[in-house]
Amino acid sequence: MKRFFLKTPGPFFIFLFFVPLIFSCSLKYEQKQIVDDKVPELYFTNAKFTRYKGGNPSFRLEASELEQYRDNQSSYAKDAFFTTWKDMKIDAQGNCGFLNLDTGNEIYTLFNDINIKSNDQDFEIHANNIKWNGITQQLTSSAAETVTISHGGMTMEGGGFAASGLSRSFTFDYAVSGTYTDNKEEEQ
């Protein structure tokens, strides 16, 4: 019986050993990973943004941090302060700890220590989580969220808050409490 020993590996042996390794690679190079939606396109600190219509300011946003994303048309603001104008007069002002602006769908969600004052309608709102839909002009909260609204001498709080910018009315769907103070002096 004759035995054969290979002193150096020949090309055939190298081919048989390395070809399976080359084709067994599990990386899929043809699939492009998309990370654009997770990384902001723009990031600002101490940002001041003003939108103008007809040469006059219509909206102003100030934030300690502002992130803007390209693909889903959304922005996120931290420690936000905002002002809106109507007929060159300040219509409303407010602030919140965190603001999500979905400009594509006109949905604006406010979080953490929200304060909104409307000069036009003479009311104030305090909450921790509310949402504004710019298309339907509805301001809403969840059922579990307590919202406080003050108007004139009235202060009310409750859950399931909804307000309509079109009809200029509001409702509470769940437990409501409040006070009314009449500041008028009696006539003699």
C-alpha atoms as a PDB file:
ATOM      1  CA  MET A   1       0.000   0.000   0.000  1.00  0.00           C
ATOM      2  CA  LYS A   2       1.335   3.284  -1.051  1.00  0.00           C
ATOM      3  CA  ARG A   3       0.541   6.422   0.902  1.00  0.00           C
ATOM      4  CA  PHE A   4       0.532   9.895  -0.500  1.00  0.00           C
ATOM      5  CA  PHE A   5       1.408  12.933   1.576  1.00  0.00           C
ATOM      6  CA  LEU A   6       1.061  16.462   0.408  1.00  0.00           C
ATOM      7  CA  LYS A   7       4.008  18.537   1.430  1.00  0.00           C
ATOM      8  CA  THR A   8       2.346  21.824   0.382  1.00  0.00           C
ATOM      9  CA  PRO A   9      -1.328  22.268  -0.273  1.00  0.00           C
ATOM     10  CA  GLY A  10      -2.043  22.354  -3.951  1.00  0.00           C
ATOM     11  CA  PRO A  11      -4.462  24.643  -5.756  1.00  0.00           C
ATOM     12  CA  PHE A  12      -7.177  22.013  -5.739  1.00  0.00           C
ATOM     13  CA  PHE A  13      -7.030  21.672  -1.944  1.00  0.00           C
ATOM     14  CA  ILE A  14      -7.126  25.475  -1.482  1.00  0.00           C
ATOM     15  CA  PHE A  15     -10.099  25.673  -3.840  1.00  0.00           C
ATOM     16  CA  LEU A  16     -12.028  22.954  -1.939  1.00  0.00           C
ATOM     17  CA  PHE A  17     -11.320  24.574   1.431  1.00  0.00           C
ATOM     18  CA  PHE A  18     -11.929  28.280   0.719  1.00  0.00           C
ATOM     19  CA  VAL A  19     -14.839  28.199  -1.755  1.00  0.00           C
ATOM     20  CA  PRO A  20     -17.371  27.046   0.860  1.00  0.00           C
ATOM     21  CA  LEU A  21     -16.101  29.748   3.220  1.00  0.00           C
ATOM     22  CA  ILE A  22     -16.536  32.474   0.624  1.00  0.00           C
ATOM     23  CA  PHE A  23     -20.092  31.481  -0.290  1.00  0.00           C
ATOM     24  CA  SER A  24     -21.181  30.852   3.302  1.00  0.00           C
ATOM     25  CA  CYS A  25     -20.879  34.487   4.358  1.00  0.00           C
ATOM     26  CA  SER A  26     -24.126  35.586   6.034  1.00  0.00           C
ATOM     27  CA  LEU A  27     -23.854  39.315   5.314  1.00  0.00           C
ATOM     28  CA  LYS A  28     -26.376  40.587   2.825  1.00  0.00           C
ATOM     29  CA  TYR A  29     -24.627  43.368   0.989  1.00  0.00           C
ATOM     30  CA  GLU A  30     -27.491  44.030  -1.379  1.00  0.00           C
ATOM     31  CA  GLN A  31     -29.745  45.219   1.476  1.00  0.00           C
ATOM     32  CA  LYS A  32     -29.199  48.858   2.258  1.00  0.00           C
ATOM     33  CA  GLN A  33     -29.701  49.766   5.896  1.00  0.00           C
ATOM     34  CA  ILE A  34     -31.710  52.919   6.380  1.00  0.00           C
ATOM     35  CA  VAL A  35     -30.647  54.974   9.364  1.00  0.00           C
ATOM     36  CA  ASP A  36     -31.812  58.383   8.113  1.00  0.00           C
ATOM     37  CA  ASP A  37     -35.115  58.165   9.994  1.00  0.00           C
ATOM     38  CA  LYS A  38     -33.311  57.593  13.307  1.00  0.00           C
ATOM     39  CA  VAL A  39     -30.789  60.399  13.008  1.00  0.00           C
ATOM     40  CA  PRO A  40     -31.976  64.004  12.884  1.00  0.00           C
ATOM     41  CA  GLU A  41     -31.244  65.850   9.676  1.00  0.00           C
ATOM     42  CA  LEU A  42     -30.835  69.068  11.665  1.00  0.00           C
ATOM     43  CA  TYR A  43     -30.068  69.577  15.356  1.00  0.00           C
ATOM     44  CA  PHE A  44     -30.130  72.980  17.052  1.00  0.00           C
ATOM     45  CA  THR A  45     -29.510  74.210  20.583  1.00  0.00           C
ATOM     46  CA  ASN A  46     -31.084  77.416  21.900  1.00  0.00           C
ATOM     47  CA  ALA A  47     -33.160  77.553  18.716  1.00  0.00           C
ATOM     48  CA  LYS A  48     -35.463  80.382  17.688  1.00  0.00           C
ATOM     49  CA  PHE A  49     -37.689  79.699  14.707  1.00  0.00           C
ATOM     50  CA  THR A  50     -40.234  82.175  13.295  1.00  0.00           C
ATOM     51  CA  ARG A  51     -42.699  81.486  10.475  1.00  0.00           C
ATOM     52  CA  TYR A  52     -43.925  84.465   8.459  1.00  0.00           C
ATOM     53  CA  LYS A  53     -47.066  84.831   6.346  1.00  0.00           C
ATOM     54  CA  GLY A  54     -47.478  87.937   4.225  1.00  0.00           C
ATOM     55  CA  GLY A  55     -44.416  89.517   5.816  1.00  0.00           C
ATOM     56  CA  ASN A  56     -45.821  89.221   9.359  1.00  0.00           C
ATOM     57  CA  PRO A  57     -44.954  86.627  12.013  1.00  0.00           C
ATOM     58  CA  SER A  58     -47.564  83.874  12.383  1.00  0.00           C
ATOM     59  CA  PHE A  59     -45.726  81.377  14.621  1.00  0.00           C
ATOM     60  CA  ARG A  60     -42.600  81.477  16.774  1.00  0.00           C
ATOM     61  CA  LEU A  61     -40.916  78.567  18.548  1.00  0.00           C
ATOM     62  CA  GLU A  62     -38.026  78.813  20.981  1.00  0.00           C
ATOM     63  CA  ALA A  63     -36.453  75.661  22.401  1.00  0.00           C
ATOM     64  CA  SER A  64     -33.343  74.605  24.279  1.00  0.00           C
ATOM     65  CA  GLU A  65     -33.008  71.726  21.778  1.00  0.00           C
ATOM     66  CA  LEU A  66     -34.687  71.227  18.410  1.00  0.00           C
ATOM     67  CA  GLU A  67     -34.341  68.163  16.146  1.00  0.00           C
ATOM     68  CA  GLN A  68     -35.745  67.983  12.621  1.00  0.00           C
ATOM     69  CA  TYR A  69     -36.167  64.755  10.647  1.00  0.00           C
ATOM     70  CA  ARG A  70     -36.407  64.678   6.856  1.00  0.00           C
ATOM     71  CA  ASP A  71     -38.395  61.583   5.945  1.00  0.00           C
ATOM     72  CA  ASN A  72     -41.320  61.736   8.345  1.00  0.00           C
ATOM     73  CA  GLN A  73     -41.630  65.551   8.429  1.00  0.00           C
ATOM     74  CA  SER A  74     -41.377  65.725  12.200  1.00  0.00           C
ATOM     75  CA  SER A  75     -39.526  67.847  14.691  1.00  0.00           C
ATOM     76  CA  TYR A  76     -38.959  67.499  18.414  1.00  0.00           C
ATOM     77  CA  ALA A  77     -38.392  70.412  20.782  1.00  0.00           C
ATOM     78  CA  LYS A  78     -37.248  70.368  24.394  1.00  0.00           C
ATOM     79  CA  ASP A  79     -38.180  73.170  26.832  1.00  0.00           C
ATOM     80  CA  ALA A  80     -40.369  74.783  24.181  1.00  0.00           C
ATOM     81  CA  PHE A  81     -41.944  78.236  24.267  1.00  0.00           C
ATOM     82  CA  PHE A  82     -44.305  79.188  21.442  1.00  0.00           C
ATOM     83  CA  THR A  83     -46.283  82.210  20.280  1.00  0.00           C
ATOM     84  CA  THR A  84     -48.948  82.500  17.578  1.00  0.00           C
ATOM     85  CA  TRP A  85     -50.172  85.702  15.935  1.00  0.00           C
ATOM     86  CA  LYS A  86     -53.500  86.583  14.341  1.00  0.00           C
ATOM     87  CA  ASP A  87     -53.993  89.898  12.531  1.00  0.00           C
ATOM     88  CA  MET A  88     -50.559  91.082  13.752  1.00  0.00           C
ATOM     89  CA  LYS A  89     -51.604  90.602  17.425  1.00  0.00           C
ATOM     90  CA  ILE A  90     -50.409  87.849  19.750  1.00  0.00           C
ATOM     91  CA  ASP A  91     -53.168  85.233  19.696  1.00  0.00           C
ATOM     92  CA  ALA A  92     -51.741  82.605  22.044  1.00  0.00           C
ATOM     93  CA  GLN A  93     -48.592  81.820  24.000  1.00  0.00           C
ATOM     94  CA  GLY A  94     -47.498  78.682  25.737  1.00  0.00           C
ATOM     95  CA  ASN A  95     -44.723  76.479  26.961  1.00  0.00           C
ATOM     96  CA  CYS A  96     -44.091  72.807  27.594  1.00  0.00           C
ATOM     97  CA  GLY A  97     -41.244  70.480  28.512  1.00  0.00           C
ATOM     98  CA  PHE A  98     -41.369  68.530  25.264  1.00  0.00           C
ATOM     99  CA  LEU A  99     -43.089  69.162  21.927  1.00  0.00           C
ATOM    100  CA  ASN A 100     -43.558  66.790  18.973  1.00  0.00           C
ATOM    101  CA  LEU A 101     -44.408  68.568  15.711  1.00  0.00           C
ATOM    102  CA  ASP A 102     -45.716  66.299  12.938  1.00  0.00           C
ATOM    103  CA  THR A 103     -46.002  68.982  10.266  1.00  0.00           C
ATOM    104  CA  GLY A 104     -46.980  66.532   7.511  1.00  0.00           C
ATOM    105  CA  ASN A 105     -50.172  65.524   9.347  1.00  0.00           C
ATOM    106  CA  GLU A 106     -50.537  68.781  11.316  1.00  0.00           C
ATOM    107  CA  ILE A 107     -50.477  66.921  14.645  1.00  0.00           C
ATOM    108  CA  TYR A 108     -48.739  68.666  17.546  1.00  0.00           C
ATOM    109  CA  THR A 109     -48.326  66.784  20.819  1.00  0.00           C
ATOM    110  CA  LEU A 110     -47.280  68.615  23.985  1.00  0.00           C
ATOM    111  CA  PHE A 111     -45.855  66.948  27.097  1.00  0.00           C
ATOM    112  CA  ASN A 112     -44.719  67.883  30.614  1.00  0.00           C
ATOM    113  CA  ASP A 113     -45.917  70.983  32.454  1.00  0.00           C
ATOM    114  CA  ILE A 114     -47.981  72.519  29.639  1.00  0.00           C
ATOM    115  CA  ASN A 115     -49.232  76.085  29.976  1.00  0.00           C
ATOM    116  CA  ILE A 116     -51.216  77.747  27.174  1.00  0.00           C
ATOM    117  CA  LYS A 117     -52.798  81.184  27.300  1.00  0.00           C
ATOM    118  CA  SER A 118     -55.156  82.354  24.560  1.00  0.00           C
ATOM    119  CA  ASN A 119     -55.533  86.123  24.402  1.00  0.00           C
ATOM    120  CA  ASP A 120     -58.191  85.916  21.701  1.00  0.00           C
ATOM    121  CA  GLN A 121     -60.489  83.616  23.695  1.00  0.00           C
ATOM    122  CA  ASP A 122     -59.319  84.719  27.176  1.00  0.00           C
ATOM    123  CA  PHE A 123     -58.551  81.292  28.647  1.00  0.00           C
ATOM    124  CA  GLU A 124     -55.628  79.327  30.085  1.00  0.00           C
ATOM    125  CA  ILE A 125     -54.951  75.593  29.940  1.00  0.00           C
ATOM    126  CA  HIS A 126     -52.638  73.600  32.207  1.00  0.00           C
ATOM    127  CA  ALA A 127     -51.907  69.912  31.570  1.00  0.00           C
ATOM    128  CA  ASN A 128     -49.170  67.299  31.213  1.00  0.00           C
ATOM    129  CA  ASN A 129     -50.191  65.726  27.893  1.00  0.00           C
ATOM    130  CA  ILE A 130     -52.386  67.209  25.154  1.00  0.00           C
ATOM    131  CA  LYS A 131     -52.611  66.983  21.386  1.00  0.00           C
ATOM    132  CA  TRP A 132     -53.577  69.598  18.784  1.00  0.00           C
ATOM    133  CA  ASN A 133     -54.862  68.487  15.387  1.00  0.00           C
ATOM    134  CA  GLY A 134     -54.450  71.396  12.985  1.00  0.00           C
ATOM    135  CA  ILE A 135     -56.682  69.835  10.322  1.00  0.00           C
ATOM    136  CA  THR A 136     -59.731  69.284  12.551  1.00  0.00           C
ATOM    137  CA  GLN A 137     -58.747  72.126  14.917  1.00  0.00           C
ATOM    138  CA  GLN A 138     -59.252  69.876  17.945  1.00  0.00           C
ATOM    139  CA  LEU A 139     -57.305  70.054  21.202  1.00  0.00           C
ATOM    140  CA  THR A 140     -57.652  66.763  23.119  1.00  0.00           C
ATOM    141  CA  SER A 141     -56.323  64.840  26.099  1.00  0.00           C
ATOM    142  CA  SER A 142     -56.603  61.239  27.201  1.00  0.00           C
ATOM    143  CA  ALA A 143     -59.258  60.099  29.669  1.00  0.00           C
ATOM    144  CA  ALA A 144     -56.646  59.627  32.398  1.00  0.00           C
ATOM    145  CA  GLU A 145     -55.072  63.059  31.850  1.00  0.00           C
ATOM    146  CA  THR A 146     -56.217  65.880  34.141  1.00  0.00           C
ATOM    147  CA  VAL A 147     -56.570  69.187  32.327  1.00  0.00           C
ATOM    148  CA  THR A 148     -57.256  72.495  34.063  1.00  0.00           C
ATOM    149  CA  ILE A 149     -58.917  75.318  32.148  1.00  0.00           C
ATOM    150  CA  SER A 150     -59.464  78.863  33.449  1.00  0.00           C
ATOM    151  CA  HIS A 151     -61.793  81.362  31.791  1.00  0.00           C
ATOM    152  CA  GLY A 152     -62.918  84.575  33.463  1.00  0.00           C
ATOM    153  CA  GLY A 153     -63.818  83.656  37.023  1.00  0.00           C
ATOM    154  CA  MET A 154     -64.239  79.958  36.254  1.00  0.00           C
ATOM    155  CA  THR A 155     -61.643  77.232  36.857  1.00  0.00           C
ATOM    156  CA  MET A 156     -62.438  73.619  35.918  1.00  0.00           C
ATOM    157  CA  GLU A 157     -60.445  70.425  35.821  1.00  0.00           C
ATOM    158  CA  GLY A 158     -61.245  66.969  34.596  1.00  0.00           C
ATOM    159  CA  GLY A 159     -60.325  64.103  32.299  1.00  0.00           C
ATOM    160  CA  GLY A 160     -61.132  63.422  28.684  1.00  0.00           C
ATOM    161  CA  PHE A 161     -60.776  67.073  27.674  1.00  0.00           C
ATOM    162  CA  ALA A 162     -61.672  68.138  24.122  1.00  0.00           C
ATOM    163  CA  ALA A 163     -61.868  71.632  22.676  1.00  0.00           C
ATOM    164  CA  SER A 164     -62.906  72.724  19.208  1.00  0.00           C
ATOM    165  CA  GLY A 165     -61.254  75.668  17.540  1.00  0.00           C
ATOM    166  CA  LEU A 166     -64.140  75.832  15.069  1.00  0.00           C
ATOM    167  CA  SER A 167     -67.101  75.928  17.456  1.00  0.00           C
ATOM    168  CA  ARG A 168     -65.063  77.508  20.287  1.00  0.00           C
ATOM    169  CA  SER A 169     -66.473  75.022  22.777  1.00  0.00           C
ATOM    170  CA  PHE A 170     -64.949  72.465  25.133  1.00  0.00           C
ATOM    171  CA  THR A 171     -66.052  69.344  27.002  1.00  0.00           C
ATOM    172  CA  PHE A 172     -64.825  66.996  29.709  1.00  0.00           C
ATOM    173  CA  ASP A 173     -65.871  63.344  29.395  1.00  0.00           C
ATOM    174  CA  TYR A 174     -64.820  62.257  32.895  1.00  0.00           C
ATOM    175  CA  ALA A 175     -64.902  63.550  36.475  1.00  0.00           C
ATOM    176  CA  VAL A 176     -65.038  67.330  36.541  1.00  0.00           C
ATOM    177  CA  SER A 177     -64.597  69.727  39.425  1.00  0.00           C
ATOM    178  CA  GLY A 178     -64.193  73.444  39.583  1.00  0.00           C
ATOM    179  CA  THR A 179     -65.009  76.826  40.991  1.00  0.00           C
ATOM    180  CA  TYR A 180     -66.702  79.953  39.750  1.00  0.00           C
ATOM    181  CA  THR A 181     -66.021  83.356  41.257  1.00  0.00           C
ATOM    182  CA  ASP A 182     -68.290  86.265  40.434  1.00  0.00           C
ATOM    183  CA  ASN A 183     -66.194  89.431  40.563  1.00  0.00           C
ATOM    184  CA  LYS A 184     -69.102  91.739  39.776  1.00  0.00           C
ATOM    185  CA  GLU A 185     -70.223  94.171  42.443  1.00  0.00           C
ATOM    186  CA  GLU A 186     -73.888  94.191  43.342  1.00  0.00           C
ATOM    187  CA  GLU A 187     -75.966  97.026  41.926  1.00  0.00           C
ATOM    188  CA  GLN A 188     -77.831  99.235  44.393  1.00  0.00           C
END
